[in-house]
Amino acid sequence: MGGLTHESHRKDVEQVYLRCSEGSIEWMYPTGALIVNLRPNISPASYKHLTVCIKPFKDSAGANIYLEKTGELKLLVRDGDRSPSRVYCFGYEQGGLFVEATPQQDISRKITGFQYELMSKGIAADLHTASEWGDDYHKRPRLT
């Protein structure tokens, strides 16, 4: 079976553990799904005081990004959404990130990616839904 038609990995779910409080993820040729576990090097008791913010790359394509908690998914970023200045934030305790590849009919190169940053809730509001940061410079994450 040729590599372009082989689909055995289409439903695989991989887990990624990230210990940094900020960084980026780039997933080339996405298939299946990723569970992104953000585990900063701080006391777990401090997790409840964190806000997570993500900013998709301008040309990100090939997957949807969800907020996941106890098996329930809430769509944050739809595949192909072209909102380059949009930053999505949520409280750390509201769940983790689930990135699911979308079915592709073509074989063009797809790359899904985003920047992430964890910050104190004193810096960023605990937003229950995805939100766009306006001109409030003092509360806005540093994502560029």
N, C-alpha and C. Protein backbone atom coordinates (compact mmCIF):
# COMPACT_ATOMS: atom_id res chain seq x y z
N MET A 1 0.85 -1.17 0.00
CA MET A 1 0.00 0.00 0.00
C MET A 1 0.90 1.24 0.00
N GLY A 2 0.60 2.18 -0.85
CA GLY A 2 1.41 3.39 -0.95
C GLY A 2 1.23 4.29 0.27
N GLY A 3 2.25 5.07 0.55
CA GLY A 3 2.22 5.96 1.71
C GLY A 3 1.14 7.01 1.64
N LEU A 4 0.75 7.42 0.43
CA LEU A 4 -0.25 8.47 0.32
C LEU A 4 -1.66 7.97 0.58
N THR A 5 -1.87 6.66 0.48
CA THR A 5 -3.21 6.14 0.70
C THR A 5 -3.33 5.39 2.02
N HIS A 6 -2.23 5.17 2.70
CA HIS A 6 -2.24 4.43 3.96
C HIS A 6 -2.89 5.28 5.05
N GLU A 7 -3.93 4.75 5.69
CA GLU A 7 -4.68 5.53 6.67
C GLU A 7 -4.73 4.86 8.04
N SER A 8 -3.83 3.94 8.34
CA SER A 8 -3.91 3.24 9.62
C SER A 8 -3.70 4.16 10.81
N HIS A 9 -3.02 5.30 10.62
CA HIS A 9 -2.75 6.22 11.73
C HIS A 9 -3.81 7.31 11.85
N ARG A 10 -4.82 7.23 11.00
CA ARG A 10 -5.82 8.29 10.94
C ARG A 10 -6.54 8.52 12.27
N LYS A 11 -6.68 7.48 13.08
CA LYS A 11 -7.42 7.61 14.34
C LYS A 11 -6.52 7.54 15.56
N ASP A 12 -5.22 7.53 15.37
CA ASP A 12 -4.29 7.51 16.50
C ASP A 12 -4.39 8.81 17.29
N VAL A 13 -4.24 8.68 18.60
CA VAL A 13 -4.20 9.85 19.48
C VAL A 13 -2.88 9.80 20.22
N GLU A 14 -2.08 10.84 20.04
CA GLU A 14 -0.78 10.95 20.70
C GLU A 14 -0.87 11.97 21.82
N GLN A 15 -0.14 11.73 22.90
CA GLN A 15 -0.08 12.70 23.99
C GLN A 15 1.27 13.40 23.98
N VAL A 16 1.22 14.71 24.20
CA VAL A 16 2.42 15.52 24.26
C VAL A 16 2.42 16.22 25.62
N TYR A 17 3.55 16.16 26.33
CA TYR A 17 3.67 16.82 27.63
C TYR A 17 4.66 17.97 27.50
N LEU A 18 4.21 19.17 27.85
CA LEU A 18 5.04 20.36 27.74
C LEU A 18 5.24 20.96 29.13
N ARG A 19 6.49 21.20 29.49
CA ARG A 19 6.82 21.72 30.82
C ARG A 19 7.10 23.22 30.83
N CYS A 20 7.25 23.81 29.67
CA CYS A 20 7.57 25.25 29.60
C CYS A 20 6.30 26.08 29.78
N SER A 21 6.44 27.27 30.32
CA SER A 21 5.29 28.14 30.51
C SER A 21 4.91 28.89 29.24
N GLU A 22 5.77 28.84 28.23
CA GLU A 22 5.43 29.41 26.93
C GLU A 22 6.24 28.70 25.86
N GLY A 23 5.70 28.71 24.66
CA GLY A 23 6.39 28.05 23.55
C GLY A 23 5.46 27.93 22.36
N SER A 24 5.75 26.99 21.49
CA SER A 24 4.91 26.79 20.32
C SER A 24 4.89 25.31 19.95
N ILE A 25 3.86 24.95 19.22
CA ILE A 25 3.69 23.59 18.72
C ILE A 25 3.50 23.70 17.22
N GLU A 26 4.19 22.86 16.48
CA GLU A 26 4.03 22.78 15.03
C GLU A 26 3.86 21.31 14.67
N TRP A 27 2.75 20.97 14.03
CA TRP A 27 2.42 19.58 13.69
C TRP A 27 2.32 19.48 12.17
N MET A 28 3.29 18.82 11.56
CA MET A 28 3.31 18.68 10.11
C MET A 28 2.50 17.47 9.68
N TYR A 29 1.76 17.60 8.60
CA TYR A 29 0.92 16.54 8.04
C TYR A 29 0.05 15.91 9.12
N PRO A 30 -0.80 16.69 9.78
CA PRO A 30 -1.58 16.15 10.89
C PRO A 30 -2.52 15.02 10.48
N THR A 31 -2.51 13.95 11.27
CA THR A 31 -3.46 12.84 11.17
C THR A 31 -3.80 12.42 12.59
N GLY A 32 -5.00 11.92 12.80
CA GLY A 32 -5.39 11.51 14.14
C GLY A 32 -5.59 12.72 15.03
N ALA A 33 -5.02 12.65 16.23
CA ALA A 33 -5.21 13.74 17.18
C ALA A 33 -4.05 13.83 18.16
N LEU A 34 -3.90 15.00 18.76
CA LEU A 34 -2.92 15.24 19.82
C LEU A 34 -3.64 15.69 21.08
N ILE A 35 -3.24 15.15 22.20
CA ILE A 35 -3.66 15.69 23.49
C ILE A 35 -2.45 16.45 24.01
N VAL A 36 -2.62 17.75 24.21
CA VAL A 36 -1.52 18.60 24.65
C VAL A 36 -1.67 18.81 26.16
N ASN A 37 -0.75 18.25 26.91
CA ASN A 37 -0.74 18.37 28.37
C ASN A 37 0.27 19.44 28.77
N LEU A 38 -0.23 20.56 29.26
CA LEU A 38 0.64 21.64 29.73
C LEU A 38 0.89 21.41 31.21
N ARG A 39 2.13 21.11 31.56
CA ARG A 39 2.51 20.81 32.94
C ARG A 39 3.72 21.65 33.32
N PRO A 40 3.50 22.92 33.64
CA PRO A 40 4.64 23.79 33.98
C PRO A 40 5.34 23.31 35.24
N ASN A 41 6.59 23.69 35.37
CA ASN A 41 7.41 23.29 36.52
C ASN A 41 7.11 24.17 37.74
N ILE A 42 5.88 24.07 38.20
CA ILE A 42 5.46 24.78 39.41
C ILE A 42 4.66 23.79 40.25
N SER A 43 4.36 24.16 41.46
CA SER A 43 3.57 23.32 42.33
C SER A 43 2.18 23.10 41.72
N PRO A 44 1.69 21.85 41.67
CA PRO A 44 0.35 21.60 41.13
C PRO A 44 -0.74 22.43 41.83
N ALA A 45 -0.53 22.80 43.08
CA ALA A 45 -1.50 23.65 43.77
C ALA A 45 -1.63 25.02 43.11
N SER A 46 -0.61 25.44 42.39
CA SER A 46 -0.62 26.74 41.72
C SER A 46 -1.34 26.71 40.37
N TYR A 47 -1.62 25.51 39.84
CA TYR A 47 -2.27 25.40 38.53
C TYR A 47 -3.58 26.17 38.48
N LYS A 48 -4.33 26.16 39.59
CA LYS A 48 -5.65 26.82 39.59
C LYS A 48 -5.54 28.34 39.41
N HIS A 49 -4.35 28.87 39.55
CA HIS A 49 -4.15 30.31 39.40
C HIS A 49 -3.63 30.68 38.01
N LEU A 50 -3.67 29.73 37.08
CA LEU A 50 -3.12 29.96 35.74
C LEU A 50 -4.20 30.16 34.69
N THR A 51 -3.87 30.98 33.71
CA THR A 51 -4.66 31.13 32.50
C THR A 51 -3.79 30.67 31.34
N VAL A 52 -4.39 29.93 30.41
CA VAL A 52 -3.70 29.46 29.21
C VAL A 52 -4.18 30.30 28.03
N CYS A 53 -3.25 30.80 27.24
CA CYS A 53 -3.60 31.54 26.02
C CYS A 53 -2.88 30.89 24.84
N ILE A 54 -3.61 30.75 23.73
CA ILE A 54 -3.00 30.23 22.51
C ILE A 54 -3.28 31.20 21.37
N LYS A 55 -2.34 31.24 20.43
CA LYS A 55 -2.50 32.05 19.23
C LYS A 55 -2.08 31.18 18.05
N PRO A 56 -3.05 30.79 17.19
CA PRO A 56 -2.71 29.97 16.03
C PRO A 56 -1.77 30.71 15.08
N PHE A 57 -0.89 29.94 14.43
CA PHE A 57 -0.04 30.52 13.40
C PHE A 57 -0.91 31.02 12.25
N LYS A 58 -0.44 32.03 11.57
CA LYS A 58 -1.18 32.66 10.48
C LYS A 58 -1.63 31.65 9.42
N ASP A 59 -0.77 30.72 9.06
CA ASP A 59 -1.09 29.76 8.00
C ASP A 59 -1.44 28.38 8.53
N SER A 60 -1.83 28.29 9.79
CA SER A 60 -2.17 27.00 10.39
C SER A 60 -3.33 26.36 9.64
N ALA A 61 -3.19 25.08 9.30
CA ALA A 61 -4.24 24.36 8.57
C ALA A 61 -4.12 22.87 8.83
N GLY A 62 -5.23 22.18 8.71
CA GLY A 62 -5.22 20.73 8.81
C GLY A 62 -5.78 20.15 10.09
N ALA A 63 -6.19 21.00 11.05
CA ALA A 63 -6.72 20.47 12.31
C ALA A 63 -7.59 21.51 13.00
N ASN A 64 -8.51 21.02 13.81
CA ASN A 64 -9.30 21.85 14.72
C ASN A 64 -8.67 21.78 16.10
N ILE A 65 -8.77 22.86 16.86
CA ILE A 65 -8.23 22.90 18.22
C ILE A 65 -9.41 23.06 19.18
N TYR A 66 -9.48 22.14 20.14
CA TYR A 66 -10.57 22.13 21.10
C TYR A 66 -10.05 22.32 22.52
N LEU A 67 -10.94 22.81 23.38
CA LEU A 67 -10.74 22.77 24.82
C LEU A 67 -11.42 21.48 25.27
N GLU A 68 -10.68 20.62 25.97
CA GLU A 68 -11.21 19.31 26.37
C GLU A 68 -11.18 19.17 27.88
N LYS A 69 -12.32 18.74 28.43
CA LYS A 69 -12.38 18.44 29.86
C LYS A 69 -13.33 17.26 30.05
N THR A 70 -12.83 16.24 30.70
CA THR A 70 -13.57 15.00 30.99
C THR A 70 -14.35 14.49 29.77
N GLY A 71 -13.69 14.47 28.63
CA GLY A 71 -14.27 13.91 27.42
C GLY A 71 -15.15 14.84 26.63
N GLU A 72 -15.45 16.02 27.13
CA GLU A 72 -16.26 16.97 26.39
C GLU A 72 -15.36 17.94 25.64
N LEU A 73 -15.70 18.19 24.37
CA LEU A 73 -14.90 19.07 23.53
C LEU A 73 -15.66 20.36 23.23
N LYS A 74 -14.93 21.47 23.31
CA LYS A 74 -15.47 22.78 22.94
C LYS A 74 -14.53 23.37 21.90
N LEU A 75 -15.05 23.64 20.71
CA LEU A 75 -14.22 24.14 19.61
C LEU A 75 -13.67 25.53 19.93
N LEU A 76 -12.35 25.66 19.85
CA LEU A 76 -11.69 26.96 20.01
C LEU A 76 -11.32 27.54 18.65
N VAL A 77 -10.64 26.73 17.82
CA VAL A 77 -10.14 27.19 16.53
C VAL A 77 -10.54 26.18 15.46
N ARG A 78 -11.29 26.65 14.48
CA ARG A 78 -11.70 25.80 13.37
C ARG A 78 -10.60 25.76 12.31
N ASP A 79 -10.38 24.60 11.72
CA ASP A 79 -9.38 24.44 10.66
C ASP A 79 -9.56 25.52 9.60
N GLY A 80 -8.49 26.22 9.29
CA GLY A 80 -8.52 27.24 8.25
C GLY A 80 -8.99 28.61 8.71
N ASP A 81 -9.36 28.76 9.99
CA ASP A 81 -9.77 30.07 10.50
C ASP A 81 -8.61 31.04 10.34
N ARG A 82 -8.82 32.10 9.62
CA ARG A 82 -7.75 33.05 9.31
C ARG A 82 -7.91 34.34 10.12
N SER A 83 -7.81 34.23 11.42
CA SER A 83 -7.86 35.40 12.30
C SER A 83 -6.48 35.58 12.92
N PRO A 84 -5.54 36.18 12.18
CA PRO A 84 -4.14 36.19 12.61
C PRO A 84 -3.86 36.89 13.93
N SER A 85 -4.71 37.81 14.35
CA SER A 85 -4.42 38.51 15.60
C SER A 85 -5.21 37.93 16.78
N ARG A 86 -5.94 36.88 16.55
CA ARG A 86 -6.82 36.32 17.59
C ARG A 86 -6.04 35.48 18.58
N VAL A 87 -6.30 35.72 19.86
CA VAL A 87 -5.70 34.96 20.95
C VAL A 87 -6.85 34.36 21.76
N TYR A 88 -6.77 33.08 22.06
CA TYR A 88 -7.81 32.37 22.79
C TYR A 88 -7.29 32.03 24.18
N CYS A 89 -8.04 32.40 25.22
CA CYS A 89 -7.60 32.19 26.60
C CYS A 89 -8.67 31.48 27.41
N PHE A 90 -8.21 30.69 28.37
CA PHE A 90 -9.13 29.98 29.26
C PHE A 90 -8.38 29.64 30.54
N GLY A 91 -9.12 29.43 31.61
CA GLY A 91 -8.51 29.05 32.88
C GLY A 91 -7.93 27.65 32.78
N TYR A 92 -6.78 27.45 33.38
CA TYR A 92 -6.08 26.16 33.33
C TYR A 92 -7.00 25.02 33.77
N GLU A 93 -7.81 25.26 34.81
CA GLU A 93 -8.67 24.20 35.34
C GLU A 93 -9.86 23.91 34.43
N GLN A 94 -10.08 24.72 33.39
CA GLN A 94 -11.19 24.50 32.47
C GLN A 94 -10.92 23.36 31.50
N GLY A 95 -9.71 22.84 31.46
CA GLY A 95 -9.41 21.71 30.60
C GLY A 95 -8.09 21.87 29.88
N GLY A 96 -7.85 20.93 28.98
CA GLY A 96 -6.62 20.92 28.21
C GLY A 96 -6.91 21.09 26.73
N LEU A 97 -5.89 20.98 25.93
CA LEU A 97 -6.03 21.15 24.49
C LEU A 97 -6.09 19.80 23.79
N PHE A 98 -7.04 19.68 22.89
CA PHE A 98 -7.19 18.49 22.06
C PHE A 98 -7.15 18.98 20.62
N VAL A 99 -6.16 18.55 19.87
CA VAL A 99 -5.98 19.00 18.49
C VAL A 99 -6.29 17.82 17.58
N GLU A 100 -7.34 17.96 16.77
CA GLU A 100 -7.80 16.85 15.93
C GLU A 100 -7.63 17.19 14.45
N ALA A 101 -6.91 16.33 13.74
CA ALA A 101 -6.72 16.52 12.30
C ALA A 101 -8.06 16.42 11.59
N THR A 102 -8.24 17.24 10.57
CA THR A 102 -9.45 17.18 9.76
C THR A 102 -9.17 16.32 8.54
N PRO A 103 -10.19 15.61 8.05
CA PRO A 103 -9.98 14.77 6.86
C PRO A 103 -9.52 15.63 5.68
N GLN A 104 -8.52 15.14 4.96
CA GLN A 104 -7.97 15.88 3.83
C GLN A 104 -8.17 15.09 2.54
N GLN A 105 -8.64 15.76 1.51
CA GLN A 105 -8.83 15.13 0.21
C GLN A 105 -7.60 15.27 -0.68
N ASP A 106 -6.77 16.25 -0.39
CA ASP A 106 -5.58 16.46 -1.22
C ASP A 106 -4.33 16.07 -0.44
N ILE A 107 -3.22 16.07 -1.13
CA ILE A 107 -1.97 15.67 -0.48
C ILE A 107 -1.05 16.88 -0.27
N SER A 108 -1.64 18.08 -0.33
CA SER A 108 -0.81 19.27 -0.14
C SER A 108 -0.31 19.32 1.30
N ARG A 109 0.77 20.01 1.47
CA ARG A 109 1.42 20.10 2.78
C ARG A 109 0.56 20.91 3.75
N LYS A 110 0.19 20.30 4.86
CA LYS A 110 -0.58 20.97 5.90
C LYS A 110 0.27 21.04 7.16
N ILE A 111 0.23 22.17 7.81
CA ILE A 111 0.93 22.35 9.08
C ILE A 111 -0.02 23.06 10.04
N THR A 112 -0.26 22.43 11.17
CA THR A 112 -1.06 23.04 12.22
C THR A 112 -0.09 23.53 13.29
N GLY A 113 -0.30 24.73 13.77
CA GLY A 113 0.59 25.22 14.80
C GLY A 113 0.02 26.40 15.55
N PHE A 114 0.56 26.59 16.74
CA PHE A 114 0.15 27.72 17.56
C PHE A 114 1.19 28.00 18.62
N GLN A 115 1.18 29.25 19.09
CA GLN A 115 1.98 29.65 20.25
C GLN A 115 1.10 29.45 21.47
N TYR A 116 1.73 29.18 22.62
CA TYR A 116 0.97 29.11 23.86
C TYR A 116 1.73 29.84 24.96
N GLU A 117 0.97 30.29 25.94
CA GLU A 117 1.57 30.95 27.09
C GLU A 117 0.68 30.71 28.30
N LEU A 118 1.30 30.33 29.42
CA LEU A 118 0.60 30.21 30.69
C LEU A 118 0.96 31.42 31.51
N MET A 119 -0.04 32.02 32.13
CA MET A 119 0.23 33.21 32.94
C MET A 119 -0.66 33.22 34.17
N SER A 120 -0.28 34.04 35.12
CA SER A 120 -1.06 34.19 36.34
C SER A 120 -2.40 34.83 36.02
N LYS A 121 -3.44 34.39 36.71
CA LYS A 121 -4.76 34.99 36.48
C LYS A 121 -4.78 36.46 36.84
N GLY A 122 -3.83 36.92 37.63
CA GLY A 122 -3.75 38.34 37.94
C GLY A 122 -3.37 39.16 36.72
N ILE A 123 -2.74 38.51 35.74
CA ILE A 123 -2.33 39.19 34.51
C ILE A 123 -3.41 39.08 33.45
N ALA A 124 -4.03 37.91 33.35
CA ALA A 124 -5.06 37.69 32.33
C ALA A 124 -6.34 37.23 33.02
N ALA A 125 -7.46 37.74 32.57
CA ALA A 125 -8.74 37.37 33.16
C ALA A 125 -9.05 35.90 32.89
N ASP A 126 -9.78 35.28 33.80
CA ASP A 126 -10.22 33.90 33.60
C ASP A 126 -11.43 33.95 32.67
N LEU A 127 -11.20 33.67 31.42
CA LEU A 127 -12.27 33.76 30.43
C LEU A 127 -12.92 32.40 30.26
N HIS A 128 -14.23 32.38 30.36
CA HIS A 128 -14.94 31.10 30.25
C HIS A 128 -15.09 30.69 28.79
N THR A 129 -15.04 31.66 27.89
CA THR A 129 -15.12 31.36 26.47
C THR A 129 -13.93 31.99 25.77
N ALA A 130 -13.66 31.52 24.57
CA ALA A 130 -12.56 32.08 23.80
C ALA A 130 -12.84 33.56 23.56
N SER A 131 -11.81 34.35 23.57
CA SER A 131 -12.00 35.79 23.48
C SER A 131 -10.87 36.42 22.68
N GLU A 132 -11.16 37.56 22.11
CA GLU A 132 -10.13 38.32 21.39
C GLU A 132 -9.64 39.44 22.28
N TRP A 133 -8.34 39.58 22.43
CA TRP A 133 -7.78 40.65 23.25
C TRP A 133 -7.79 41.93 22.44
N GLY A 134 -8.30 42.98 23.02
CA GLY A 134 -8.36 44.26 22.36
C GLY A 134 -7.12 45.08 22.63
N ASP A 135 -7.30 46.35 22.86
CA ASP A 135 -6.18 47.26 23.08
C ASP A 135 -5.76 47.35 24.54
N ASP A 136 -6.29 46.49 25.38
CA ASP A 136 -5.93 46.51 26.80
C ASP A 136 -4.54 45.91 26.95
N TYR A 137 -3.53 46.72 26.73
CA TYR A 137 -2.14 46.26 26.67
C TYR A 137 -1.69 45.58 27.95
N HIS A 138 -2.12 46.05 29.10
CA HIS A 138 -1.64 45.50 30.37
C HIS A 138 -2.16 44.10 30.64
N LYS A 139 -3.28 43.72 30.04
CA LYS A 139 -3.81 42.38 30.27
C LYS A 139 -3.49 41.43 29.12
N ARG A 140 -3.09 41.97 28.01
CA ARG A 140 -2.88 41.16 26.81
C ARG A 140 -1.67 40.25 26.98
N PRO A 141 -1.78 38.98 26.55
CA PRO A 141 -0.61 38.09 26.60
C PRO A 141 0.49 38.62 25.68
N ARG A 142 1.69 38.13 25.88
CA ARG A 142 2.84 38.58 25.09
C ARG A 142 2.93 37.88 23.74
N LEU A 143 2.01 37.03 23.40
CA LEU A 143 2.09 36.29 22.14
C LEU A 143 2.16 37.26 20.98
N THR A 144 3.12 37.02 20.08
CA THR A 144 3.30 37.93 18.95
C THR A 144 3.00 37.25 17.64
